[in-house]
């Protein structure tokens, strides 16, 4: 299946980082998601209940990162990917997690991961 649902540029203010000063402040993380989803059904029905609820996904991303307060972007990305795969029945996703301003000479730094549900696990298929 080649269909997907996108969420791009979702900004979440949370505690993130390894330095002591970073644990005392919030910083912006930027999340981009591409999630496999069969869009044919909602495309034909025009019924929101058939679609992947991107507002609910966005809210879950925000709550997850705020609760997690990761030290490393890699950890935040892994936990977040697992939550989305589990909670929303997404079979595959590409997740990019960026930390703007972390390196003065760069617009942002970040990680990009792709994860899928292993055979026999829950998933939208």
Protein backbone atom coordinates (compact mmCIF):
# COMPACT_ATOMS: atom_id res chain seq x y z
CA UNK A 1 0.00 0.00 0.00
CA UNK A 2 1.37 3.40 -0.95
CA UNK A 3 -1.17 5.62 0.82
CA UNK A 4 -0.16 7.70 3.79
CA UNK A 5 -1.26 10.44 6.14
CA UNK A 6 1.13 13.30 6.87
CA UNK A 7 1.66 15.55 9.87
CA UNK A 8 4.44 18.05 9.26
CA UNK A 9 6.00 20.68 11.48
CA UNK A 10 4.20 19.77 14.70
CA UNK A 11 5.89 21.84 17.43
CA UNK A 12 6.00 20.43 20.95
CA UNK A 13 7.47 22.38 23.88
CA UNK A 14 9.06 19.97 26.34
CA UNK A 15 12.10 19.27 28.46
CA UNK A 16 14.76 17.70 26.24
CA UNK A 17 18.50 17.34 26.41
CA UNK A 18 21.39 15.93 28.40
CA UNK A 19 22.89 19.04 29.99
CA UNK A 20 21.78 20.16 33.46
CA UNK A 21 20.50 23.51 32.20
CA UNK A 22 18.36 21.73 29.58
CA UNK A 23 16.54 19.79 32.28
CA UNK A 24 15.34 23.08 33.82
CA UNK A 25 13.76 24.64 30.71
CA UNK A 26 11.44 23.69 27.90
CA UNK A 27 12.60 23.68 24.30
CA UNK A 28 10.81 23.21 21.01
CA UNK A 29 10.90 19.88 19.21
CA UNK A 30 9.52 19.64 15.68
CA UNK A 31 7.86 16.39 14.58
CA UNK A 32 7.16 15.24 11.02
CA UNK A 33 5.19 12.03 10.50
CA UNK A 34 4.31 9.98 7.47
CA UNK A 35 2.02 7.10 8.42
CA UNK A 36 0.81 4.29 6.18
CA UNK A 37 -2.96 4.35 5.98
CA UNK A 38 -5.42 3.00 3.43
CA UNK A 39 -7.03 6.23 2.26
CA UNK A 40 -9.33 4.50 -0.25
CA UNK A 41 -12.06 3.84 2.32
CA UNK A 42 -12.37 7.40 3.67
CA UNK A 43 -11.77 8.65 0.14
CA UNK A 44 -14.90 6.83 -1.03
CA UNK A 45 -17.06 7.24 2.09
CA UNK A 46 -16.18 10.86 2.95
CA UNK A 47 -16.71 9.73 6.57
CA UNK A 48 -14.23 10.95 9.17
CA UNK A 49 -14.64 7.75 11.19
CA UNK A 50 -12.91 5.87 8.35
CA UNK A 51 -9.89 8.18 8.37
CA UNK A 52 -6.78 8.30 10.54
CA UNK A 53 -7.54 10.98 13.12
CA UNK A 54 -4.56 13.29 12.68
CA UNK A 55 -5.81 15.61 15.45
CA UNK A 56 -5.76 12.66 17.88
CA UNK A 57 -2.32 11.57 16.63
CA UNK A 58 -1.02 15.12 17.08
CA UNK A 59 -2.42 15.34 20.61
CA UNK A 60 -0.87 11.97 21.51
CA UNK A 61 2.51 13.03 20.10
CA UNK A 62 2.41 16.16 22.24
CA UNK A 63 1.39 14.36 25.43
CA UNK A 64 3.95 11.60 24.89
CA UNK A 65 6.89 13.95 24.44
CA UNK A 66 5.82 16.17 27.34
CA UNK A 67 5.55 13.15 29.66
CA UNK A 68 8.72 11.48 28.39
CA UNK A 69 11.09 14.47 28.65
CA UNK A 70 13.77 12.59 26.70
CA UNK A 71 17.46 13.25 27.06
CA UNK A 72 18.20 12.01 23.53
CA UNK A 73 16.22 12.63 20.34
CA UNK A 74 16.82 8.98 19.46
CA UNK A 75 14.98 7.87 22.60
CA UNK A 76 12.12 10.27 21.98
CA UNK A 77 11.74 9.03 18.41
CA UNK A 78 11.75 5.34 19.39
CA UNK A 79 9.18 5.74 22.15
CA UNK A 80 6.99 7.96 20.01
CA UNK A 81 7.06 5.55 17.07
CA UNK A 82 6.04 2.66 19.32
CA UNK A 83 3.14 4.66 20.76
CA UNK A 84 1.81 5.64 17.34
CA UNK A 85 2.11 2.13 15.93
CA UNK A 86 0.36 0.66 18.98
CA UNK A 87 -2.32 3.28 19.65
CA UNK A 88 -3.45 4.06 16.12
CA UNK A 89 -3.09 0.79 14.21
CA UNK A 90 -0.61 2.30 11.79
CA UNK A 91 1.35 -0.42 10.02
CA UNK A 92 4.38 1.69 9.07
CA UNK A 93 5.68 5.17 9.78
CA UNK A 94 8.52 7.52 9.06
CA UNK A 95 9.17 9.89 11.95
CA UNK A 96 11.51 12.87 11.96
CA UNK A 97 12.26 14.56 15.27
CA UNK A 98 14.17 17.86 15.13
CA UNK A 99 15.61 20.16 17.78
CA UNK A 100 15.91 23.68 16.33
CA UNK A 101 18.80 25.80 17.55
CA UNK A 102 20.74 22.94 19.14
CA UNK A 103 23.75 23.73 16.96
CA UNK A 104 24.17 27.47 16.37
CA UNK A 105 25.31 27.11 12.75
CA UNK A 106 22.41 24.78 11.82
CA UNK A 107 18.69 25.48 11.54
CA UNK A 108 18.07 22.24 13.45
CA UNK A 109 19.48 18.83 14.25
CA UNK A 110 17.46 15.66 14.38
CA UNK A 111 16.84 12.01 13.69
CA UNK A 112 14.67 10.22 11.16
CA UNK A 113 13.46 6.66 11.71
CA UNK A 114 11.18 4.24 9.88
CA UNK A 115 9.35 1.54 11.82
CA UNK A 116 6.73 -1.03 10.98
CA UNK A 117 4.58 -3.49 12.84
CA UNK A 118 6.00 -7.00 12.79
CA UNK A 119 3.89 -9.78 11.32
CA UNK A 120 1.24 -10.93 13.77
CA UNK A 121 1.04 -7.59 15.63
CA UNK A 122 -1.84 -5.14 15.40
CA UNK A 123 -1.87 -2.81 12.43
CA UNK A 124 -3.95 -1.12 9.75
CA UNK A 125 -3.54 -3.14 6.71
